[in-house]
Amino acid sequence: MRKRGSNGGAEVFRITGARQGLAEDVRGRQRRYIISMGIRTLAVILTAVLWNVERHVAIVTLVVGAFLPYVAVVIANAGRENVPGLPSTFVPAPTRPMIAPAPTGGPAESVPEDRG
């Protein structure tokens, strides 16, 4: 006997608990790395421009330009986000009774089956 409208006991997962795609993850890491390197390039240019004008600011931008590549690589290689645990994202399939309960209006009558 087949149950209609049921998924046959298959596990059901919420899509909100799914991890983002690999291509999207790589694209996000590349974007963060390029932004970091753009900031580093700006810091190096400011160092060259401000060296004879404002030496203290130029030294700060030089330090930022020197350490930012390390930070950018660490951020870019940090890996994918953590996978949410399955128990929190698992939704059990609703169970329905196989046989409907007898009506409570009175005693049940037996009906002979047609065997032909």
N, C-alpha and C. Protein backbone atom coordinates (compact mmCIF):
# COMPACT_ATOMS: atom_id res chain seq x y z
N MET A 1 0.83 -1.17 0.00
CA MET A 1 0.00 0.00 0.00
C MET A 1 0.88 1.24 0.00
N ARG A 2 0.57 2.16 -0.87
CA ARG A 2 1.35 3.38 -1.00
C ARG A 2 0.69 4.53 -0.27
N LYS A 3 1.50 5.30 0.40
CA LYS A 3 0.97 6.49 1.06
C LYS A 3 1.02 7.64 0.06
N ARG A 4 -0.06 8.38 -0.01
CA ARG A 4 -0.09 9.54 -0.90
C ARG A 4 0.27 10.80 -0.12
N GLY A 5 0.96 11.69 -0.80
CA GLY A 5 1.31 12.97 -0.17
C GLY A 5 2.40 12.87 0.87
N SER A 6 3.05 11.76 0.96
CA SER A 6 4.12 11.61 1.94
C SER A 6 5.44 11.49 1.19
N ASN A 7 6.50 11.85 1.84
CA ASN A 7 7.81 11.76 1.18
C ASN A 7 8.49 10.43 1.45
N GLY A 8 7.78 9.48 1.99
CA GLY A 8 8.33 8.14 2.17
C GLY A 8 9.37 8.04 3.26
N GLY A 9 9.36 8.92 4.25
CA GLY A 9 10.30 8.83 5.36
C GLY A 9 11.66 9.43 5.05
N ALA A 10 11.79 10.19 3.96
CA ALA A 10 13.08 10.80 3.63
C ALA A 10 13.35 11.95 4.59
N GLU A 11 14.61 12.21 4.84
CA GLU A 11 14.98 13.31 5.73
C GLU A 11 14.77 14.63 5.00
N VAL A 12 14.34 15.63 5.73
CA VAL A 12 14.07 16.95 5.17
C VAL A 12 15.00 17.93 5.87
N PHE A 13 15.69 18.76 5.10
CA PHE A 13 16.60 19.75 5.65
C PHE A 13 16.16 21.14 5.24
N ARG A 14 16.36 22.10 6.12
CA ARG A 14 16.07 23.49 5.79
C ARG A 14 17.15 24.02 4.87
N ILE A 15 16.78 24.76 3.86
CA ILE A 15 17.77 25.32 2.93
C ILE A 15 18.56 26.43 3.60
N THR A 16 18.00 27.09 4.63
CA THR A 16 18.74 28.14 5.31
C THR A 16 19.94 27.59 6.07
N GLY A 17 19.95 26.30 6.35
CA GLY A 17 21.09 25.69 7.03
C GLY A 17 22.17 25.23 6.07
N ALA A 18 21.93 25.39 4.76
CA ALA A 18 22.91 24.94 3.77
C ALA A 18 24.09 25.91 3.73
N ARG A 19 25.21 25.38 3.41
CA ARG A 19 26.42 26.16 3.31
C ARG A 19 26.43 26.86 1.95
N GLN A 20 27.07 28.02 1.87
CA GLN A 20 27.12 28.73 0.59
C GLN A 20 27.98 27.96 -0.40
N GLY A 21 27.76 28.18 -1.68
CA GLY A 21 28.46 27.44 -2.72
C GLY A 21 29.95 27.75 -2.74
N LEU A 22 30.73 26.83 -3.30
CA LEU A 22 32.18 26.99 -3.34
C LEU A 22 32.58 28.19 -4.20
N ALA A 23 31.93 28.36 -5.36
CA ALA A 23 32.27 29.48 -6.23
C ALA A 23 31.99 30.81 -5.54
N GLU A 24 30.88 30.89 -4.80
CA GLU A 24 30.54 32.11 -4.08
C GLU A 24 31.54 32.37 -2.95
N ASP A 25 31.99 31.33 -2.29
CA ASP A 25 32.97 31.46 -1.22
C ASP A 25 34.30 31.96 -1.77
N VAL A 26 34.75 31.39 -2.88
CA VAL A 26 36.02 31.82 -3.49
C VAL A 26 35.92 33.26 -3.97
N ARG A 27 34.78 33.61 -4.57
CA ARG A 27 34.58 34.98 -5.05
C ARG A 27 34.64 35.98 -3.88
N GLY A 28 34.05 35.63 -2.75
CA GLY A 28 34.10 36.52 -1.58
C GLY A 28 35.50 36.68 -1.04
N ARG A 29 36.26 35.57 -1.00
CA ARG A 29 37.64 35.67 -0.52
C ARG A 29 38.50 36.49 -1.46
N GLN A 30 38.30 36.32 -2.77
CA GLN A 30 39.06 37.13 -3.74
C GLN A 30 38.73 38.60 -3.59
N ARG A 31 37.46 38.90 -3.38
CA ARG A 31 37.03 40.29 -3.21
C ARG A 31 37.70 40.91 -1.98
N ARG A 32 37.71 40.18 -0.85
CA ARG A 32 38.35 40.70 0.36
C ARG A 32 39.85 40.92 0.15
N TYR A 33 40.50 40.00 -0.58
CA TYR A 33 41.93 40.12 -0.83
C TYR A 33 42.23 41.33 -1.71
N ILE A 34 41.43 41.53 -2.75
CA ILE A 34 41.66 42.67 -3.65
C ILE A 34 41.42 43.99 -2.93
N ILE A 35 40.41 44.05 -2.07
CA ILE A 35 40.18 45.27 -1.29
C ILE A 35 41.36 45.54 -0.37
N SER A 36 41.87 44.50 0.29
CA SER A 36 43.03 44.67 1.17
C SER A 36 44.25 45.14 0.41
N MET A 37 44.47 44.59 -0.77
CA MET A 37 45.62 45.00 -1.56
C MET A 37 45.45 46.41 -2.12
N GLY A 38 44.23 46.82 -2.38
CA GLY A 38 43.97 48.20 -2.79
C GLY A 38 44.30 49.18 -1.67
N ILE A 39 43.92 48.81 -0.45
CA ILE A 39 44.26 49.65 0.71
C ILE A 39 45.77 49.69 0.91
N ARG A 40 46.44 48.57 0.69
CA ARG A 40 47.90 48.54 0.83
C ARG A 40 48.57 49.43 -0.21
N THR A 41 48.07 49.36 -1.45
CA THR A 41 48.64 50.20 -2.51
C THR A 41 48.45 51.68 -2.16
N LEU A 42 47.29 52.03 -1.67
CA LEU A 42 47.04 53.41 -1.26
C LEU A 42 47.98 53.82 -0.12
N ALA A 43 48.22 52.91 0.83
CA ALA A 43 49.13 53.22 1.94
C ALA A 43 50.55 53.44 1.45
N VAL A 44 51.01 52.65 0.49
CA VAL A 44 52.37 52.82 -0.03
C VAL A 44 52.49 54.14 -0.80
N ILE A 45 51.47 54.48 -1.58
CA ILE A 45 51.49 55.75 -2.32
C ILE A 45 51.48 56.93 -1.33
N LEU A 46 50.65 56.83 -0.28
CA LEU A 46 50.64 57.89 0.73
C LEU A 46 51.98 58.01 1.44
N THR A 47 52.65 56.88 1.64
CA THR A 47 53.98 56.92 2.26
C THR A 47 54.94 57.73 1.39
N ALA A 48 54.92 57.48 0.09
CA ALA A 48 55.83 58.20 -0.81
C ALA A 48 55.49 59.69 -0.89
N VAL A 49 54.18 59.99 -0.90
CA VAL A 49 53.77 61.39 -1.02
C VAL A 49 54.04 62.16 0.27
N LEU A 50 53.78 61.54 1.43
CA LEU A 50 53.89 62.24 2.70
C LEU A 50 55.26 62.16 3.36
N TRP A 51 56.22 61.49 2.76
CA TRP A 51 57.51 61.27 3.42
C TRP A 51 58.19 62.58 3.80
N ASN A 52 58.21 63.56 2.93
CA ASN A 52 58.86 64.84 3.22
C ASN A 52 57.89 65.86 3.81
N VAL A 53 56.60 65.58 3.84
CA VAL A 53 55.62 66.54 4.33
C VAL A 53 55.28 66.25 5.80
N GLU A 54 54.82 65.05 6.06
CA GLU A 54 54.40 64.65 7.40
C GLU A 54 55.00 63.27 7.68
N ARG A 55 56.19 63.27 8.26
CA ARG A 55 56.96 62.04 8.42
C ARG A 55 56.26 61.02 9.32
N HIS A 56 55.59 61.45 10.39
CA HIS A 56 54.95 60.51 11.31
C HIS A 56 53.80 59.75 10.63
N VAL A 57 53.00 60.47 9.86
CA VAL A 57 51.90 59.82 9.13
C VAL A 57 52.48 58.89 8.07
N ALA A 58 53.57 59.29 7.44
CA ALA A 58 54.20 58.45 6.42
C ALA A 58 54.72 57.15 7.02
N ILE A 59 55.25 57.20 8.23
CA ILE A 59 55.74 55.99 8.89
C ILE A 59 54.58 55.06 9.23
N VAL A 60 53.47 55.63 9.67
CA VAL A 60 52.28 54.81 9.98
C VAL A 60 51.78 54.13 8.71
N THR A 61 51.69 54.87 7.61
CA THR A 61 51.23 54.26 6.35
C THR A 61 52.23 53.22 5.84
N LEU A 62 53.52 53.42 6.12
CA LEU A 62 54.52 52.43 5.73
C LEU A 62 54.33 51.13 6.51
N VAL A 63 54.06 51.24 7.81
CA VAL A 63 53.82 50.06 8.64
C VAL A 63 52.56 49.34 8.18
N VAL A 64 51.51 50.10 7.89
CA VAL A 64 50.26 49.49 7.40
C VAL A 64 50.52 48.79 6.06
N GLY A 65 51.25 49.43 5.19
CA GLY A 65 51.58 48.83 3.89
C GLY A 65 52.46 47.60 4.00
N ALA A 66 53.26 47.52 5.06
CA ALA A 66 54.14 46.37 5.23
C ALA A 66 53.41 45.16 5.83
N PHE A 67 52.49 45.40 6.77
CA PHE A 67 51.81 44.29 7.44
C PHE A 67 50.50 43.87 6.79
N LEU A 68 49.93 44.69 5.96
CA LEU A 68 48.64 44.36 5.35
C LEU A 68 48.68 43.15 4.42
N PRO A 69 49.75 42.90 3.66
CA PRO A 69 49.76 41.68 2.84
C PRO A 69 49.64 40.41 3.68
N TYR A 70 50.32 40.36 4.80
CA TYR A 70 50.23 39.19 5.68
C TYR A 70 48.80 39.01 6.17
N VAL A 71 48.19 40.07 6.63
CA VAL A 71 46.82 40.02 7.14
C VAL A 71 45.86 39.62 6.01
N ALA A 72 46.06 40.17 4.82
CA ALA A 72 45.18 39.86 3.69
C ALA A 72 45.26 38.39 3.30
N VAL A 73 46.46 37.82 3.32
CA VAL A 73 46.61 36.40 2.98
C VAL A 73 45.98 35.52 4.05
N VAL A 74 46.16 35.87 5.31
CA VAL A 74 45.55 35.09 6.39
C VAL A 74 44.03 35.13 6.28
N ILE A 75 43.48 36.29 6.00
CA ILE A 75 42.02 36.42 5.86
C ILE A 75 41.54 35.64 4.63
N ALA A 76 42.26 35.74 3.52
CA ALA A 76 41.84 35.05 2.30
C ALA A 76 41.93 33.53 2.43
N ASN A 77 42.89 33.03 3.20
CA ASN A 77 43.05 31.59 3.36
C ASN A 77 42.39 31.04 4.62
N ALA A 78 41.52 31.82 5.22
CA ALA A 78 40.89 31.40 6.47
C ALA A 78 40.00 30.19 6.28
N GLY A 79 39.59 29.90 5.07
CA GLY A 79 38.76 28.73 4.83
C GLY A 79 37.29 29.09 4.81
N ARG A 80 36.51 28.06 4.57
CA ARG A 80 35.06 28.25 4.49
C ARG A 80 34.47 28.41 5.88
N GLU A 81 33.24 28.91 5.90
CA GLU A 81 32.56 29.10 7.18
C GLU A 81 32.23 27.75 7.78
N ASN A 82 31.97 27.73 9.05
CA ASN A 82 31.63 26.48 9.73
C ASN A 82 30.26 25.98 9.27
N VAL A 83 30.18 24.68 9.15
CA VAL A 83 28.91 24.07 8.76
C VAL A 83 28.02 24.01 9.98
N PRO A 84 26.78 24.46 9.84
CA PRO A 84 25.89 24.33 10.99
C PRO A 84 25.63 22.86 11.29
N GLY A 85 25.48 22.53 12.54
CA GLY A 85 25.25 21.14 12.93
C GLY A 85 23.94 20.62 12.38
N LEU A 86 23.93 19.38 11.96
CA LEU A 86 22.73 18.80 11.39
C LEU A 86 21.55 18.73 12.35
N PRO A 87 21.75 18.44 13.62
CA PRO A 87 20.57 18.37 14.49
C PRO A 87 19.78 19.67 14.55
N SER A 88 20.44 20.82 14.44
CA SER A 88 19.70 22.07 14.52
C SER A 88 19.00 22.41 13.21
N THR A 89 19.43 21.83 12.09
CA THR A 89 18.80 22.15 10.81
C THR A 89 17.92 21.03 10.31
N PHE A 90 17.85 19.92 11.03
CA PHE A 90 17.04 18.79 10.61
C PHE A 90 15.58 19.01 11.01
N VAL A 91 14.70 18.84 10.06
CA VAL A 91 13.28 18.96 10.33
C VAL A 91 12.67 17.59 10.07
N PRO A 92 12.13 16.95 11.10
CA PRO A 92 11.54 15.62 10.87
C PRO A 92 10.29 15.74 10.01
N ALA A 93 10.10 14.76 9.15
CA ALA A 93 8.92 14.75 8.29
C ALA A 93 7.69 14.50 9.14
N PRO A 94 6.60 15.19 8.86
CA PRO A 94 5.40 14.97 9.66
C PRO A 94 4.87 13.56 9.43
N THR A 95 4.44 12.94 10.50
CA THR A 95 3.90 11.58 10.37
C THR A 95 2.39 11.65 10.48
N ARG A 96 1.73 10.92 9.61
CA ARG A 96 0.28 10.83 9.64
C ARG A 96 -0.10 9.40 9.94
N PRO A 97 -1.22 9.18 10.63
CA PRO A 97 -1.61 7.81 10.93
C PRO A 97 -1.99 7.07 9.66
N MET A 98 -1.67 5.79 9.64
CA MET A 98 -1.98 4.96 8.47
C MET A 98 -3.48 4.75 8.33
N ILE A 99 -4.17 4.54 9.44
CA ILE A 99 -5.61 4.29 9.42
C ILE A 99 -6.29 5.39 10.21
N ALA A 100 -7.31 5.96 9.61
CA ALA A 100 -8.04 7.02 10.29
C ALA A 100 -8.80 6.44 11.47
N PRO A 101 -8.94 7.17 12.56
CA PRO A 101 -9.69 6.66 13.70
C PRO A 101 -11.16 6.51 13.36
N ALA A 102 -11.81 5.57 14.03
CA ALA A 102 -13.24 5.31 13.78
C ALA A 102 -14.06 6.49 14.27
N PRO A 103 -15.16 6.79 13.57
CA PRO A 103 -15.99 7.90 14.02
C PRO A 103 -16.57 7.59 15.40
N THR A 104 -16.72 8.59 16.20
CA THR A 104 -17.19 8.40 17.57
C THR A 104 -18.70 8.54 17.69
N GLY A 105 -19.42 8.54 16.59
CA GLY A 105 -20.86 8.73 16.61
C GLY A 105 -21.62 7.53 17.14
N GLY A 106 -21.08 6.36 17.14
CA GLY A 106 -21.80 5.18 17.61
C GLY A 106 -20.96 3.95 17.42
N PRO A 107 -21.55 2.78 17.66
CA PRO A 107 -20.78 1.55 17.49
C PRO A 107 -20.47 1.31 16.01
N ALA A 108 -19.33 0.75 15.76
CA ALA A 108 -18.92 0.48 14.39
C ALA A 108 -19.66 -0.76 13.86
N GLU A 109 -20.07 -0.69 12.61
CA GLU A 109 -20.75 -1.83 11.99
C GLU A 109 -19.75 -2.58 11.13
N SER A 110 -19.93 -3.89 11.05
CA SER A 110 -19.06 -4.65 10.18
C SER A 110 -19.72 -4.77 8.83
N VAL A 111 -18.96 -4.52 7.79
CA VAL A 111 -19.45 -4.57 6.43
C VAL A 111 -18.76 -5.74 5.74
N PRO A 112 -19.53 -6.67 5.15
CA PRO A 112 -18.88 -7.79 4.46
C PRO A 112 -18.16 -7.31 3.22
N GLU A 113 -16.98 -7.92 2.97
CA GLU A 113 -16.18 -7.56 1.80
C GLU A 113 -16.71 -8.30 0.58
N ASP A 114 -16.61 -7.70 -0.56
CA ASP A 114 -17.04 -8.31 -1.82
C ASP A 114 -15.87 -9.10 -2.37
N ARG A 115 -15.94 -10.41 -2.33
CA ARG A 115 -14.85 -11.25 -2.84
C ARG A 115 -15.31 -11.86 -4.16
N GLY A 116 -14.81 -11.35 -5.18
CA GLY A 116 -15.32 -11.82 -6.45
C GLY A 116 -14.32 -12.29 -7.37
